Amino acid sequence: MTLGSVSAAVSYLHDRAGLAPETALVLGSGLGPLAEEVEGIAVPYADIPGFPVSTAPGHAGRLILGRAFGRACAVMQGRVHMYEGYSPQEVAFPIRVMAALGARTLVLTNAAGGMHPEDRVGDLVVIEDHLSLAVASGLDPLRGPNDPATGPRFVSMNRAYDPDLVALAEALGGLRRGTYAHVVGPSFEPPALIRLLKLAGCDLVGMSTVPEVIAARHLGLRVLAISAVTNIAVDSVASPHVTTEAEVWEAVKTVQPKLLALMRDLIPALSEVRG
């Protein structure tokens, strides 16, 4: 994606809403109903110049510009993933648009498989670090030409998840911290990979978030990410359990009220935390 295409998207959205958001919020799989808390204008992704369109189930594919929990927000009701056939750069494009609109803080949510011994379906976990074998193998959204006006050529991923915001979410929601493993998908992870990720110190596994975080840090945004544990990852072929999409959607229903309650406290408090 070029800077010009970001400008075209921003110009279109300014004409529709004229809102400068403080916070960008990405609602992951099945978590879109939280967008009902936003008072504003909803724009289908397909109408925004250059914007990738969600094809995954549970992703409505709308950008909502308005006020949520007393703050000006840009809210993605669903995201796009590399497993849909999008490049890492295309996955990161909406983050660049929301930053260009004015957002300086990014809050991401996702559905994830739990790998920590204490994980239970329905838990919320705040991410403090990530591991992406896909990014390590070359699928980095920053790969290619770099515009110094947008961000630095080399971006540190140490403290990519803002420590002060992590502590805020931890305190407000009583959340545990964890390391998120990013895989491309869409196939669920085989037990051998889960064992490898556990050895690497990962607590959660999912198919999103990391490309968006990298782009956000490139742009200088503060980042907070929260995972909803929607299944327990299987680490042995001896296990009779077979992970299904249906169980994930069923688990999401139990998570929605918890996440909504957290966001009601969290979003207003973000601006009070200084990095």
Protein backbone atom coordinates (compact mmCIF):
# COMPACT_ATOMS: atom_id res chain seq x y z
CA MET A 1 0.00 0.00 0.00
CA THR A 2 1.28 3.48 -0.83
CA LEU A 3 0.99 6.67 1.16
CA GLY A 4 -1.25 7.96 -1.61
CA SER A 5 -3.80 5.20 -1.07
CA VAL A 6 -3.84 5.98 2.65
CA SER A 7 -4.53 9.62 1.78
CA ALA A 8 -7.41 8.62 -0.50
CA ALA A 9 -9.02 6.55 2.26
CA VAL A 10 -8.58 9.34 4.81
CA SER A 11 -10.05 11.94 2.44
CA TYR A 12 -13.09 9.73 1.82
CA LEU A 13 -13.66 9.17 5.53
CA HIS A 14 -13.22 12.86 6.38
CA ASP A 15 -15.95 13.64 3.88
CA ARG A 16 -18.22 11.09 5.56
CA ALA A 17 -17.57 11.82 9.24
CA GLY A 18 -15.00 14.57 9.83
CA LEU A 19 -14.06 12.97 13.17
CA ALA A 20 -10.52 12.88 14.57
CA PRO A 21 -10.38 9.73 16.72
CA GLU A 22 -8.25 9.53 19.86
CA THR A 23 -8.31 5.75 19.90
CA ALA A 24 -8.45 3.02 17.26
CA LEU A 25 -10.20 -0.17 18.32
CA VAL A 26 -10.07 -3.46 16.41
CA LEU A 27 -12.77 -5.99 17.29
CA GLY A 28 -11.73 -9.57 16.55
CA SER A 29 -13.61 -12.77 15.74
CA GLY A 30 -17.16 -12.71 17.08
CA LEU A 31 -16.50 -9.59 19.15
CA GLY A 32 -18.15 -7.21 16.69
CA PRO A 33 -21.32 -6.70 18.80
CA LEU A 34 -19.26 -4.38 21.01
CA ALA A 35 -19.53 -1.90 18.13
CA GLU A 36 -23.14 -1.33 19.22
CA GLU A 37 -21.66 0.88 21.96
CA VAL A 38 -20.37 3.33 19.34
CA GLU A 39 -22.50 6.33 18.37
CA GLY A 40 -21.44 7.42 14.92
CA ILE A 41 -21.26 6.65 11.23
CA ALA A 42 -20.61 3.10 9.98
CA VAL A 43 -18.81 2.77 6.66
CA PRO A 44 -18.49 -0.63 4.92
CA TYR A 45 -14.88 -1.52 4.18
CA ALA A 46 -15.84 -2.08 0.54
CA ASP A 47 -16.71 1.63 0.21
CA ILE A 48 -13.35 2.92 1.50
CA PRO A 49 -10.69 3.40 -1.20
CA GLY A 50 -7.94 0.78 -0.88
CA PHE A 51 -9.47 -0.86 2.20
CA PRO A 52 -9.31 -4.67 2.36
CA VAL A 53 -12.69 -6.35 2.79
CA SER A 54 -13.35 -8.96 5.50
CA THR A 55 -14.32 -12.41 4.23
CA ALA A 56 -13.98 -14.31 7.51
CA PRO A 57 -17.09 -15.41 9.44
CA GLY A 58 -17.90 -13.24 12.45
CA HIS A 59 -16.38 -10.10 10.90
CA ALA A 60 -18.99 -7.54 9.81
CA GLY A 61 -16.49 -5.49 7.83
CA ARG A 62 -17.41 -1.94 8.85
CA LEU A 63 -15.39 1.02 10.12
CA ILE A 64 -17.35 3.03 12.65
CA LEU A 65 -16.34 6.61 13.38
CA GLY A 66 -17.92 8.11 16.46
CA ARG A 67 -17.87 8.14 20.23
CA ALA A 68 -17.49 5.05 22.40
CA PHE A 69 -17.50 5.16 26.17
CA GLY A 70 -17.10 8.93 26.07
CA ARG A 71 -14.13 9.02 23.71
CA ALA A 72 -13.72 9.73 20.00
CA CYS A 73 -12.91 6.39 18.38
CA ALA A 74 -12.39 4.65 15.08
CA VAL A 75 -13.71 1.11 15.51
CA MET A 76 -13.05 -1.76 13.14
CA GLN A 77 -15.99 -4.16 13.35
CA GLY A 78 -13.98 -7.13 12.16
CA ARG A 79 -10.51 -7.30 10.63
CA VAL A 80 -8.78 -9.04 7.74
CA HIS A 81 -6.23 -11.84 8.00
CA MET A 82 -3.41 -13.27 5.95
CA TYR A 83 -5.31 -16.55 5.71
CA GLU A 84 -7.90 -14.75 3.58
CA GLY A 85 -5.18 -14.24 0.99
CA TYR A 86 -4.15 -10.73 2.04
CA SER A 87 -0.52 -9.71 2.31
CA PRO A 88 0.83 -8.47 5.67
CA GLN A 89 0.91 -4.96 4.17
CA GLU A 90 -2.78 -5.18 3.24
CA VAL A 91 -3.66 -6.48 6.72
CA ALA A 92 -1.86 -3.47 8.22
CA PHE A 93 -3.43 -0.90 5.87
CA PRO A 94 -6.46 -0.11 8.12
CA ILE A 95 -4.10 0.69 11.01
CA ARG A 96 -2.29 3.21 8.81
CA VAL A 97 -5.61 4.80 7.86
CA MET A 98 -6.81 5.11 11.46
CA ALA A 99 -3.47 6.62 12.50
CA ALA A 100 -3.69 9.12 9.64
CA LEU A 101 -7.17 10.05 10.88
CA GLY A 102 -5.59 11.02 14.20
CA ALA A 103 -5.59 7.95 16.47
CA ARG A 104 -2.55 7.72 18.74
CA THR A 105 -3.54 4.64 20.72
CA LEU A 106 -4.50 1.25 19.27
CA VAL A 107 -6.52 -1.31 21.21
CA LEU A 108 -6.78 -4.74 19.60
CA THR A 109 -8.90 -7.73 20.58
CA ASN A 110 -8.78 -11.28 19.27
CA ALA A 111 -10.02 -14.79 19.85
CA ALA A 112 -7.18 -17.14 20.78
CA GLY A 113 -6.39 -20.66 21.80
CA GLY A 114 -5.16 -20.96 25.38
CA MET A 115 -1.87 -22.76 26.09
CA HIS A 116 -1.16 -21.64 29.66
CA PRO A 117 -1.96 -24.21 32.40
CA GLU A 118 -4.28 -21.69 34.08
CA ASP A 119 -6.21 -20.82 30.91
CA ARG A 120 -9.94 -21.45 30.88
CA VAL A 121 -12.39 -20.84 28.05
CA GLY A 122 -13.87 -17.39 28.58
CA ASP A 123 -10.75 -15.86 30.15
CA LEU A 124 -9.39 -12.51 29.03
CA VAL A 125 -5.61 -12.17 28.87
CA VAL A 126 -3.61 -9.00 28.19
CA ILE A 127 -0.75 -9.51 25.74
CA GLU A 128 2.71 -8.32 26.78
CA ASP A 129 4.82 -9.90 24.02
CA HIS A 130 4.45 -11.93 20.84
CA LEU A 131 6.14 -14.56 18.71
CA SER A 132 5.45 -14.86 14.98
CA LEU A 133 7.20 -17.54 12.98
CA ALA A 134 5.51 -16.05 9.89
CA VAL A 135 7.07 -12.64 10.47
CA ALA A 136 10.41 -14.22 11.32
CA SER A 137 10.31 -16.06 7.98
CA GLY A 138 9.72 -12.88 5.99
CA LEU A 139 6.01 -12.02 6.24
CA ASP A 140 6.68 -8.68 7.94
CA PRO A 141 4.30 -5.82 7.06
CA LEU A 142 7.30 -3.44 6.98
CA ARG A 143 9.08 -5.43 4.29
CA GLY A 144 9.73 -3.37 1.15
CA PRO A 145 10.36 0.33 0.57
CA ASN A 146 10.14 2.55 3.64
CA ASP A 147 8.91 6.13 3.72
CA PRO A 148 10.88 7.90 6.52
CA ALA A 149 8.00 10.35 6.88
CA THR A 150 5.79 7.48 8.00
CA GLY A 151 8.16 5.69 10.36
CA PRO A 152 11.73 4.44 10.83
CA ARG A 153 13.28 1.74 8.66
CA PHE A 154 13.95 -0.49 11.68
CA VAL A 155 11.36 -0.68 14.46
CA SER A 156 12.01 -2.23 17.88
CA MET A 157 9.50 -4.81 19.07
CA ASN A 158 10.76 -4.66 22.65
CA ARG A 159 7.91 -3.20 24.72
CA ALA A 160 5.72 -3.18 21.61
CA TYR A 161 2.76 -3.55 23.95
CA ASP A 162 2.81 -0.40 26.05
CA PRO A 163 3.78 -1.45 29.62
CA ASP A 164 1.64 1.26 31.22
CA LEU A 165 -1.42 0.25 29.22
CA VAL A 166 -0.79 -3.42 29.97
CA ALA A 167 -0.68 -2.57 33.68
CA LEU A 168 -3.89 -0.54 33.35
CA ALA A 169 -5.79 -3.43 31.73
CA GLU A 170 -4.34 -5.84 34.27
CA ALA A 171 -5.55 -3.67 37.14
CA LEU A 172 -8.99 -2.80 35.75
CA GLY A 173 -9.90 -6.29 34.61
CA GLY A 174 -7.87 -8.47 36.95
CA LEU A 175 -6.28 -9.94 33.85
CA ARG A 176 -3.33 -12.27 33.54
CA ARG A 177 -0.46 -11.34 31.19
CA GLY A 178 0.64 -13.59 28.35
CA THR A 179 2.75 -14.00 25.23
CA TYR A 180 0.78 -14.36 21.98
CA ALA A 181 1.91 -16.70 19.21
CA HIS A 182 0.88 -15.62 15.72
CA VAL A 183 0.21 -18.22 13.03
CA VAL A 184 -1.15 -17.60 9.54
CA GLY A 185 -3.96 -20.21 9.53
CA PRO A 186 -6.68 -20.94 8.64
CA SER A 187 -6.02 -24.52 9.79
CA PHE A 188 -5.96 -24.97 13.54
CA GLU A 189 -2.52 -25.74 14.93
CA PRO A 190 -1.33 -29.37 15.09
CA PRO A 191 -0.30 -30.68 18.52
CA ALA A 192 3.39 -30.67 17.58
CA LEU A 193 3.27 -26.92 16.89
CA ILE A 194 1.48 -26.26 20.17
CA ARG A 195 4.23 -28.14 22.02
CA LEU A 196 6.86 -26.06 20.21
CA LEU A 197 5.10 -22.79 21.03
CA LYS A 198 4.79 -23.78 24.68
CA LEU A 199 8.52 -24.52 24.79
CA ALA A 200 9.09 -21.03 23.40
CA GLY A 201 7.14 -19.55 26.33
CA CYS A 202 3.91 -18.71 24.51
CA ASP A 203 0.58 -18.67 26.35
CA LEU A 204 -1.88 -17.91 23.53
CA VAL A 205 -2.13 -18.70 19.84
CA GLY A 206 -4.12 -16.99 17.11
CA MET A 207 -4.21 -15.88 13.48
CA SER A 208 -4.16 -12.08 13.74
CA THR A 209 -2.93 -9.03 15.66
CA VAL A 210 0.85 -9.17 15.15
CA PRO A 211 0.98 -7.52 11.69
CA GLU A 212 -1.26 -4.75 13.03
CA VAL A 213 0.95 -4.27 16.09
CA ILE A 214 4.08 -3.99 13.95
CA ALA A 215 2.47 -1.35 11.72
CA ALA A 216 1.20 0.56 14.76
CA ARG A 217 4.65 0.69 16.31
CA HIS A 218 6.10 1.82 12.98
CA LEU A 219 3.67 4.74 13.16
CA GLY A 220 4.48 5.50 16.80
CA LEU A 221 1.11 4.42 18.22
CA ARG A 222 0.77 3.10 21.74
CA VAL A 223 -0.56 -0.46 21.65
CA LEU A 224 -2.73 -2.57 23.92
CA ALA A 225 -3.99 -6.02 22.92
CA ILE A 226 -6.37 -8.37 24.70
CA SER A 227 -7.04 -12.00 23.86
CA ALA A 228 -10.25 -13.85 24.61
CA VAL A 229 -9.54 -17.54 25.24
CA THR A 230 -12.08 -19.34 23.08
CA ASN A 231 -10.57 -22.83 23.10
CA ILE A 232 -7.81 -24.76 24.81
CA ALA A 233 -5.11 -25.67 22.31
CA VAL A 234 -4.51 -29.43 21.95
CA ASP A 235 -0.89 -30.46 22.49
CA SER A 236 -1.13 -34.26 22.11
CA VAL A 237 -2.41 -36.57 19.40
CA ALA A 238 -3.60 -38.78 22.25
CA SER A 239 -6.23 -36.18 23.12
CA PRO A 240 -9.72 -37.11 21.84
CA HIS A 241 -10.66 -33.44 21.49
CA VAL A 242 -10.89 -31.98 17.97
CA THR A 243 -10.94 -28.18 17.86
CA THR A 244 -13.79 -26.80 15.75
CA GLU A 245 -14.92 -23.40 14.54
CA ALA A 246 -18.29 -24.00 16.22
CA GLU A 247 -16.77 -24.25 19.70
CA VAL A 248 -14.91 -20.97 19.14
CA TRP A 249 -18.12 -19.12 18.23
CA GLU A 250 -19.92 -20.61 21.22
CA ALA A 251 -17.12 -19.48 23.55
CA VAL A 252 -17.15 -15.96 22.12
CA LYS A 253 -20.71 -15.52 23.39
CA THR A 254 -19.51 -15.98 26.98
CA VAL A 255 -16.65 -13.53 26.49
CA GLN A 256 -18.59 -10.61 25.03
CA PRO A 257 -20.09 -9.33 28.33
CA LYS A 258 -16.69 -9.52 30.07
CA LEU A 259 -14.95 -7.64 27.30
CA LEU A 260 -17.68 -5.01 27.15
CA ALA A 261 -17.42 -4.40 30.90
CA LEU A 262 -13.64 -4.05 30.61
CA MET A 263 -13.88 -1.61 27.69
CA ARG A 264 -16.34 0.59 29.58
CA ASP A 265 -13.65 1.18 32.20
CA LEU A 266 -10.61 0.94 29.95
CA ILE A 267 -11.34 3.29 27.03
CA PRO A 268 -12.05 6.39 29.19
CA ALA A 269 -8.92 5.70 31.25
CA LEU A 270 -6.48 5.41 28.32
CA SER A 271 -5.90 9.14 27.97
CA GLU A 272 -5.04 9.39 31.67
CA VAL A 273 -2.05 7.06 31.27
CA ARG A 274 1.03 8.89 30.06
CA GLY A 275 3.83 6.96 28.39
